[in-house]
Amino acid sequence: MEQGVGYRLLIVGPLESDHLRRLVLHLKMVDPEASVSVLCWQISRPLPDEVSSVLDSVVQVKSPDGILARIPLLRSLTARIRYRRAFRAVTERKPDIINIHYPSPRDMHIMPLMKKTGAKVILSPWGSDVLRVDSPLALRKLRKLYSEADHVTGLKGHFMDSVIARLGFNPGKILEVGFGSDTLDYFLEHGNGLSREQAKESWGLSGSYLITCGYNGSDGQRHKAVIESIASVRDSLPEDLVLVFPFTYGAKDGYRQELESCLERFGIKGFFVTEYLSLKRLHELRKCTDMFIHVQPTDASSASVKEYLICGAKVLHGGWIKYDDIPDGPETPFFIVPSLESLPDVILEAYRSEPRMVSVNVASAIMAGGWNSRIKDWDNMFGKLARE
């Protein structure tokens, strides 16, 4: 690395994700000299100017379509060729570090090329990319990917223990950095200046009782199961009920239409949030929520869940998901959902109860997860690796 020029970082991952976009923005704020490029699969929504303006380059891999998409062997071969070609294009100016977010078995297609660049290869698992893989072949590829990478990022605890147990890589590879939350930082700055009703007015939902279902458009959020559970106790909930679906990223083609049909069948109102949200709008979305339901199968350490807690929503949380910074027992601020079958009962319990108190200790642990504090760890990590 040239003296004083900053590190050259290539991020490989879903630029569709607001979380990844914010990582980029914060890196450039704390280290303007860092050169950041992104290799991603085709994105369906445009990049905001504030993100595109700080990136040196963005190369998108076009997904196979037409007849190529309909024949499995052709689809796989085409995707591999396009991925390798795009990687070569984005690494003409050799990076010091390649950081893969949401690592998947297909990233093995470019591992030999990554090694040839001489860059440090870092994997940053989010959760479902590891814990939901059930194909033996995919799991073998993922184990090989983690075996060959130089480092893996993650805060030690329940999640990283699960990743190590599942993939069997050397724990010495772990670099302790965690994802942050802009919304938590924003909430710290703005406090309780916004009431729940004011937040509802800002979304045109004044007077409604709002239940927010999951935090992205992936079917892994189990939206249909949530809708069916709510439908089963609909008569005991407010007449002006509206279900809110944050769909800013992660939804497959046609999935929203499936949910709309499901809502129509049960006669329940739905409100889909699809546009890119500023911090102000994100805060208003969290703040207007009366109840937040989070029952996806796995989760590493969701900032969104914690944001709803801090904003005073009644949070229903799958009892099978553990966070290291939120304890079990008397201080647990969630309404625990033991199983999907019990979700209707817990919905009624939460509706009839006061919100769970967030203790000072838990609140302090949550608020420490803002990007303002965590981004320095990422920047220091990248800088140190580039100098090695």
Protein backbone atom coordinates (compact mmCIF):
# COMPACT_ATOMS: atom_id res chain seq x y z
CA MET A 1 0.00 0.00 0.00
CA GLU A 2 1.33 3.44 -0.93
CA GLN A 3 2.20 5.71 2.00
CA GLY A 4 -0.60 8.15 2.83
CA VAL A 5 -2.95 7.04 0.06
CA GLY A 6 -5.22 4.92 2.30
CA TYR A 7 -6.24 1.32 1.78
CA ARG A 8 -7.89 -0.08 -1.33
CA LEU A 9 -10.96 -2.05 -0.34
CA LEU A 10 -13.19 -4.19 -2.54
CA ILE A 11 -16.54 -5.06 -0.98
CA VAL A 12 -18.33 -8.06 -2.47
CA GLY A 13 -21.96 -8.26 -1.44
CA PRO A 14 -25.58 -7.17 -1.82
CA LEU A 15 -25.44 -3.42 -2.43
CA GLU A 16 -29.24 -3.71 -2.35
CA SER A 17 -28.89 -3.69 1.44
CA ASP A 18 -29.14 -0.42 3.34
CA HIS A 19 -26.81 -1.88 5.99
CA LEU A 20 -24.00 -2.32 3.46
CA ARG A 21 -24.61 1.14 1.99
CA ARG A 22 -24.28 2.67 5.45
CA LEU A 23 -21.05 0.78 6.12
CA VAL A 24 -19.59 2.35 2.98
CA LEU A 25 -20.79 5.85 3.90
CA HIS A 26 -19.36 5.65 7.41
CA LEU A 27 -16.03 4.27 6.23
CA LYS A 28 -15.61 7.21 3.88
CA MET A 29 -16.57 9.67 6.63
CA VAL A 30 -13.90 8.42 9.03
CA ASP A 31 -11.31 7.73 6.30
CA PRO A 32 -11.87 9.87 3.18
CA GLU A 33 -8.62 8.59 1.64
CA ALA A 34 -9.81 4.98 1.58
CA SER A 35 -10.60 3.69 -1.91
CA VAL A 36 -13.80 1.62 -1.86
CA SER A 37 -15.22 -0.37 -4.79
CA VAL A 38 -18.13 -2.82 -4.84
CA LEU A 39 -18.84 -6.01 -6.76
CA CYS A 40 -22.46 -7.09 -6.46
CA TRP A 41 -25.19 -9.03 -8.18
CA GLN A 42 -27.76 -7.05 -10.12
CA ILE A 43 -29.58 -4.50 -7.93
CA SER A 44 -33.18 -3.50 -8.53
CA ARG A 45 -33.15 -0.04 -6.97
CA PRO A 46 -30.79 2.80 -7.86
CA LEU A 47 -28.00 3.87 -5.57
CA PRO A 48 -28.55 7.20 -3.81
CA ASP A 49 -26.13 9.90 -4.96
CA GLU A 50 -24.60 10.04 -1.49
CA VAL A 51 -23.50 6.40 -1.86
CA SER A 52 -22.47 6.34 -5.54
CA SER A 53 -20.44 9.54 -5.11
CA VAL A 54 -18.08 7.95 -2.54
CA LEU A 55 -17.46 4.69 -4.41
CA ASP A 56 -14.54 4.39 -6.82
CA SER A 57 -16.46 1.86 -8.91
CA VAL A 58 -19.47 -0.44 -8.83
CA VAL A 59 -19.59 -3.55 -11.01
CA GLN A 60 -22.86 -5.48 -11.17
CA VAL A 61 -23.13 -9.12 -12.22
CA LYS A 62 -26.17 -9.60 -14.40
CA SER A 63 -28.21 -12.64 -13.37
CA PRO A 64 -28.92 -15.20 -16.14
CA ASP A 65 -32.29 -14.66 -17.81
CA GLY A 66 -34.37 -16.11 -20.64
CA ILE A 67 -33.47 -19.64 -21.66
CA LEU A 68 -30.25 -19.42 -19.64
CA ALA A 69 -32.28 -19.08 -16.45
CA ARG A 70 -34.58 -22.00 -17.25
CA ILE A 71 -31.92 -24.68 -17.72
CA PRO A 72 -30.09 -25.37 -14.40
CA LEU A 73 -26.74 -26.37 -15.91
CA LEU A 74 -26.68 -23.37 -18.27
CA ARG A 75 -27.80 -21.04 -15.46
CA SER A 76 -25.01 -22.21 -13.18
CA LEU A 77 -22.33 -22.07 -15.87
CA THR A 78 -23.41 -18.62 -17.08
CA ALA A 79 -23.54 -17.22 -13.55
CA ARG A 80 -20.03 -18.53 -12.85
CA ILE A 81 -18.59 -17.04 -16.04
CA ARG A 82 -20.24 -13.67 -15.45
CA TYR A 83 -19.12 -13.57 -11.81
CA ARG A 84 -15.48 -14.27 -12.69
CA ARG A 85 -15.53 -11.77 -15.56
CA ALA A 86 -16.98 -9.04 -13.32
CA PHE A 87 -14.40 -9.78 -10.62
CA ARG A 88 -11.55 -9.32 -13.10
CA ALA A 89 -13.04 -6.02 -14.22
CA VAL A 90 -13.34 -4.59 -10.71
CA THR A 91 -9.83 -5.68 -9.63
CA GLU A 92 -7.80 -4.07 -12.41
CA ARG A 93 -6.44 -1.76 -9.72
CA LYS A 94 -5.47 -4.43 -7.24
CA PRO A 95 -7.20 -4.13 -3.84
CA ASP A 96 -5.41 -4.53 -0.52
CA ILE A 97 -8.47 -6.16 1.04
CA ILE A 98 -11.46 -8.06 -0.34
CA ASN A 99 -14.36 -8.13 2.12
CA ILE A 100 -17.22 -10.50 1.23
CA HIS A 101 -20.52 -9.78 2.94
CA TYR A 102 -23.19 -12.45 3.19
CA PRO A 103 -20.72 -15.11 1.95
CA SER A 104 -22.32 -17.87 -0.11
CA PRO A 105 -21.11 -21.07 -1.81
CA ARG A 106 -21.01 -19.30 -5.19
CA ASP A 107 -18.19 -17.10 -3.87
CA MET A 108 -15.93 -20.15 -4.23
CA HIS A 109 -16.11 -19.45 -7.99
CA ILE A 110 -13.90 -16.39 -7.48
CA MET A 111 -11.73 -17.58 -4.58
CA PRO A 112 -8.83 -18.66 -6.87
CA LEU A 113 -8.95 -15.22 -8.53
CA MET A 114 -9.03 -13.49 -5.15
CA LYS A 115 -5.94 -15.38 -4.03
CA LYS A 116 -4.08 -14.33 -7.18
CA THR A 117 -4.58 -10.63 -6.35
CA GLY A 118 -2.54 -10.98 -3.17
CA ALA A 119 -5.30 -9.23 -1.21
CA LYS A 120 -6.41 -10.27 2.27
CA VAL A 121 -9.77 -12.06 1.93
CA ILE A 122 -12.22 -11.34 4.77
CA LEU A 123 -15.65 -12.94 5.17
CA SER A 124 -18.42 -11.08 7.01
CA PRO A 125 -21.35 -13.44 7.75
CA TRP A 126 -24.71 -11.88 8.56
CA GLY A 127 -26.53 -14.92 9.88
CA SER A 128 -28.82 -16.65 7.42
CA ASP A 129 -26.00 -17.07 4.89
CA VAL A 130 -24.53 -19.63 7.30
CA LEU A 131 -27.27 -20.89 9.57
CA ARG A 132 -29.91 -21.58 6.90
CA VAL A 133 -27.75 -23.58 4.49
CA ASP A 134 -29.07 -27.13 4.50
CA SER A 135 -27.79 -28.60 1.22
CA PRO A 136 -24.80 -30.92 1.90
CA LEU A 137 -23.09 -29.73 -1.31
CA ALA A 138 -23.62 -26.05 -0.49
CA LEU A 139 -22.38 -26.62 3.05
CA ARG A 140 -19.20 -28.30 1.74
CA LYS A 141 -18.52 -25.32 -0.53
CA LEU A 142 -19.15 -22.90 2.32
CA ARG A 143 -16.75 -24.80 4.60
CA LYS A 144 -14.09 -24.64 1.89
CA LEU A 145 -14.71 -20.91 1.45
CA TYR A 146 -14.24 -20.24 5.17
CA SER A 147 -11.22 -22.54 5.27
CA GLU A 148 -9.44 -20.64 2.49
CA ALA A 149 -10.33 -17.09 3.62
CA ASP A 150 -7.76 -15.18 5.66
CA HIS A 151 -10.16 -13.78 8.25
CA VAL A 152 -13.79 -13.80 9.42
CA THR A 153 -15.45 -10.83 11.10
CA GLY A 154 -17.87 -11.11 14.01
CA LEU A 155 -18.34 -10.42 17.69
CA LYS A 156 -17.65 -13.49 19.81
CA GLY A 157 -20.69 -15.10 21.40
CA HIS A 158 -23.68 -17.27 20.48
CA PHE A 159 -23.62 -16.48 16.77
CA MET A 160 -19.91 -16.93 16.12
CA ASP A 161 -19.89 -20.11 18.20
CA SER A 162 -22.62 -21.45 15.89
CA VAL A 163 -20.69 -20.43 12.77
CA ILE A 164 -17.48 -22.11 13.97
CA ALA A 165 -19.34 -25.28 14.98
CA ARG A 166 -21.10 -25.44 11.62
CA LEU A 167 -18.16 -24.63 9.36
CA GLY A 168 -15.19 -25.83 11.39
CA PHE A 169 -12.73 -23.01 10.63
CA ASN A 170 -9.93 -21.89 12.94
CA PRO A 171 -11.31 -19.46 15.61
CA GLY A 172 -7.99 -17.60 15.36
CA LYS A 173 -9.26 -16.14 12.06
CA ILE A 174 -11.92 -14.07 13.81
CA LEU A 175 -11.57 -10.28 13.76
CA GLU A 176 -13.88 -8.78 16.37
CA VAL A 177 -15.93 -6.11 14.63
CA GLY A 178 -19.71 -5.85 14.48
CA PHE A 179 -22.28 -4.10 12.32
CA GLY A 180 -23.64 -0.80 13.58
CA SER A 181 -26.92 1.10 13.40
CA ASP A 182 -27.40 4.63 12.13
CA THR A 183 -30.90 4.65 13.57
CA LEU A 184 -29.57 4.03 17.08
CA ASP A 185 -27.17 6.96 16.65
CA TYR A 186 -30.02 9.10 15.35
CA PHE A 187 -32.23 8.11 18.27
CA LEU A 188 -29.46 9.05 20.73
CA GLU A 189 -29.27 12.47 19.13
CA HIS A 190 -33.02 13.11 18.88
CA GLY A 191 -34.25 11.25 21.97
CA ASN A 192 -37.96 11.16 22.61
CA GLY A 193 -38.82 14.36 20.73
CA LEU A 194 -41.24 12.48 18.46
CA SER A 195 -44.44 10.92 19.80
CA ARG A 196 -45.92 7.70 18.40
CA GLU A 197 -48.95 9.54 17.04
CA GLN A 198 -46.77 12.18 15.34
CA ALA A 199 -44.77 9.37 13.73
CA LYS A 200 -48.00 7.77 12.48
CA GLU A 201 -49.15 11.09 11.03
CA SER A 202 -45.86 11.34 9.12
CA TRP A 203 -46.75 8.05 7.36
CA GLY A 204 -50.40 8.95 6.79
CA LEU A 205 -51.48 6.26 9.26
CA SER A 206 -52.85 8.42 12.05
CA GLY A 207 -55.24 6.64 14.40
CA SER A 208 -54.26 3.14 13.25
CA TYR A 209 -52.86 0.34 15.39
CA LEU A 210 -49.66 -0.70 13.59
CA ILE A 211 -48.05 -4.11 13.71
CA THR A 212 -44.76 -4.23 11.78
CA CYS A 213 -43.96 -7.67 10.35
CA GLY A 214 -40.23 -8.39 10.05
CA TYR A 215 -37.60 -5.93 8.91
CA ASN A 216 -37.05 -6.77 5.22
CA GLY A 217 -38.75 -8.38 2.23
CA SER A 218 -37.18 -11.83 2.49
CA ASP A 219 -39.62 -14.69 2.94
CA GLY A 220 -37.29 -15.78 5.75
CA GLN A 221 -39.12 -13.20 7.87
CA ARG A 222 -42.10 -15.61 7.76
CA HIS A 223 -44.60 -12.93 6.78
CA LYS A 224 -47.31 -15.42 5.79
CA ALA A 225 -47.15 -17.20 9.14
CA VAL A 226 -47.38 -13.83 10.88
CA ILE A 227 -50.41 -12.78 8.80
CA GLU A 228 -52.15 -16.10 9.51
CA SER A 229 -51.45 -15.79 13.25
CA ILE A 230 -52.85 -12.26 13.34
CA ALA A 231 -55.88 -13.36 11.31
CA SER A 232 -56.63 -16.08 13.86
CA VAL A 233 -57.00 -13.47 16.65
CA ARG A 234 -58.21 -10.59 14.47
CA ASP A 235 -61.51 -10.14 16.39
CA SER A 236 -59.58 -9.40 19.59
CA LEU A 237 -57.38 -6.70 18.00
CA PRO A 238 -58.27 -3.05 17.22
CA GLU A 239 -60.64 -2.41 14.34
CA ASP A 240 -58.20 0.08 12.76
CA LEU A 241 -55.41 -2.52 12.51
CA VAL A 242 -52.76 -2.08 9.77
CA LEU A 243 -49.87 -4.48 9.13
CA VAL A 244 -46.67 -2.75 8.03
CA PHE A 245 -44.15 -4.55 5.80
CA PRO A 246 -40.66 -3.00 5.41
CA PHE A 247 -39.75 -4.11 1.86
CA THR A 248 -36.80 -1.85 1.10
CA TYR A 249 -34.69 -4.89 0.20
CA GLY A 250 -34.67 -8.70 0.07
CA ALA A 251 -38.00 -9.43 -1.67
CA LYS A 252 -38.14 -11.87 -4.57
CA ASP A 253 -40.21 -11.08 -7.66
CA GLY A 254 -43.90 -11.62 -7.02
CA TYR A 255 -43.55 -12.06 -3.25
CA ARG A 256 -45.28 -8.80 -2.37
CA GLN A 257 -48.23 -9.82 -4.57
CA GLU A 258 -48.45 -13.15 -2.70
CA LEU A 259 -48.68 -11.31 0.62
CA GLU A 260 -51.23 -8.84 -0.73
CA SER A 261 -53.41 -11.78 -1.80
CA CYS A 262 -53.02 -13.31 1.66
CA LEU A 263 -54.03 -10.02 3.32
CA GLU A 264 -57.04 -9.67 1.02
CA ARG A 265 -58.16 -13.21 1.82
CA PHE A 266 -58.23 -12.41 5.54
CA GLY A 267 -59.59 -8.88 5.12
CA ILE A 268 -56.57 -7.24 6.77
CA LYS A 269 -55.07 -3.91 5.70
CA GLY A 270 -51.40 -3.91 4.65
CA PHE A 271 -48.92 -1.09 4.15
CA PHE A 272 -45.70 -1.79 2.22
CA VAL A 273 -42.63 0.42 2.61
CA THR A 274 -40.48 0.05 -0.51
CA GLU A 275 -38.62 3.33 -0.97
CA TYR A 276 -35.12 4.09 0.27
CA LEU A 277 -35.50 5.62 3.76
CA SER A 278 -33.54 8.50 5.22
CA LEU A 279 -32.55 8.26 8.89
CA LYS A 280 -35.45 10.55 9.77
CA ARG A 281 -37.92 8.29 7.97
CA LEU A 282 -36.38 5.13 9.47
CA HIS A 283 -36.75 6.62 12.93
CA GLU A 284 -40.38 7.54 12.20
CA LEU A 285 -41.08 4.00 10.99
CA ARG A 286 -39.66 2.48 14.16
CA LYS A 287 -41.40 5.04 16.35
CA CYS A 288 -44.88 4.66 14.80
CA THR A 289 -44.91 0.89 15.40
CA ASP A 290 -47.13 -0.34 18.25
CA MET A 291 -46.01 -3.97 17.93
CA PHE A 292 -43.05 -5.52 16.08
CA ILE A 293 -43.01 -9.24 15.29
CA HIS A 294 -39.67 -10.94 14.67
CA VAL A 295 -39.85 -14.70 14.20
CA GLN A 296 -37.36 -15.54 11.44
CA PRO A 297 -35.54 -18.88 11.90
CA THR A 298 -32.10 -17.43 12.64
CA ASP A 299 -30.53 -14.06 13.33
CA ALA A 300 -27.03 -12.95 14.29
CA SER A 301 -27.59 -9.66 16.11
CA SER A 302 -30.29 -7.60 14.46
CA ALA A 303 -29.93 -3.84 14.83
CA SER A 304 -33.52 -3.43 13.61
CA VAL A 305 -34.94 -5.45 16.51
CA LYS A 306 -33.01 -3.32 18.98
CA GLU A 307 -34.12 -0.11 17.28
CA TYR A 308 -37.79 -1.07 17.79
CA LEU A 309 -37.07 -1.81 21.46
CA ILE A 310 -35.41 1.55 22.02
CA CYS A 311 -38.31 3.28 20.24
CA GLY A 312 -40.81 1.78 22.67
CA ALA A 313 -42.58 -0.82 20.52
CA LYS A 314 -43.87 -4.08 21.99
CA VAL A 315 -41.37 -6.53 20.48
CA LEU A 316 -42.37 -10.17 19.94
CA HIS A 317 -39.18 -12.19 19.51
CA GLY A 318 -38.57 -15.83 18.65
CA GLY A 319 -37.34 -17.61 21.77
CA TRP A 320 -34.94 -19.69 19.65
CA ILE A 321 -32.90 -16.54 18.78
CA LYS A 322 -30.35 -15.39 21.37
CA TYR A 323 -28.42 -12.10 21.39
CA ASP A 324 -25.29 -11.76 23.48
CA ASP A 325 -26.06 -8.19 24.54
CA ILE A 326 -29.69 -8.87 25.56
CA PRO A 327 -30.04 -11.27 28.51
CA ASP A 328 -32.62 -13.97 29.17
CA GLY A 329 -34.55 -13.84 32.42
CA PRO A 330 -36.10 -10.89 34.27
CA GLU A 331 -34.32 -8.22 32.19
CA THR A 332 -35.49 -9.61 28.83
CA PRO A 333 -37.36 -6.75 27.11
CA PHE A 334 -39.09 -9.04 24.57
CA PHE A 335 -42.38 -10.85 24.62
CA ILE A 336 -40.90 -14.29 23.96
CA VAL A 337 -42.51 -16.44 21.25
CA PRO A 338 -41.68 -20.08 22.16
CA SER A 339 -42.81 -21.42 18.78
CA LEU A 340 -44.70 -20.31 15.68
CA GLU A 341 -47.72 -22.25 16.93
CA SER A 342 -47.80 -20.06 20.05
CA LEU A 343 -47.57 -16.77 18.13
CA PRO A 344 -51.34 -15.97 18.22
CA ASP A 345 -51.38 -16.31 22.02
CA VAL A 346 -48.31 -14.10 22.44
CA ILE A 347 -49.82 -11.47 20.12
CA LEU A 348 -52.86 -11.24 22.39
CA GLU A 349 -50.69 -11.21 25.53
CA ALA A 350 -48.59 -8.36 24.16
CA TYR A 351 -51.59 -6.38 22.96
CA ARG A 352 -53.22 -6.55 26.40
CA SER A 353 -50.00 -5.74 28.28
CA GLU A 354 -47.84 -2.68 28.79
CA PRO A 355 -44.56 -2.61 26.80
CA ARG A 356 -41.71 -4.49 28.48
CA MET A 357 -39.24 -2.20 30.24
CA VAL A 358 -35.76 -1.92 28.76
CA SER A 359 -33.35 -1.85 31.71
CA VAL A 360 -30.54 0.67 31.92
CA ASN A 361 -27.96 -2.09 31.40
CA VAL A 362 -29.68 -3.48 28.30
CA ALA A 363 -30.30 0.01 26.88
CA SER A 364 -26.62 0.91 27.32
CA ALA A 365 -25.53 -2.30 25.57
CA ILE A 366 -27.91 -1.62 22.68
CA MET A 367 -26.91 2.01 22.26
CA ALA A 368 -23.22 1.01 22.11
CA GLY A 369 -24.09 -0.68 18.80
CA GLY A 370 -24.34 2.56 16.80
CA TRP A 371 -22.16 3.11 13.75
CA ASN A 372 -20.51 6.15 15.35
CA SER A 373 -18.59 3.85 17.68
CA ARG A 374 -18.33 0.67 15.61
CA ILE A 375 -17.11 2.14 12.33
CA LYS A 376 -13.76 3.02 13.89
CA ASP A 377 -13.13 -0.68 14.52
CA TRP A 378 -13.79 -1.48 10.84
CA ASP A 379 -11.54 1.30 9.61
CA ASN A 380 -8.74 0.35 12.00
CA MET A 381 -9.06 -3.30 10.95
CA PHE A 382 -8.84 -2.50 7.22
CA GLY A 383 -5.95 -0.10 7.74
CA LYS A 384 -3.96 -2.59 9.83
CA LEU A 385 -4.49 -5.44 7.34
CA ALA A 386 -3.45 -3.24 4.42
CA ARG A 387 -0.19 -2.35 6.17
CA GLU A 388 0.76 -5.97 6.92
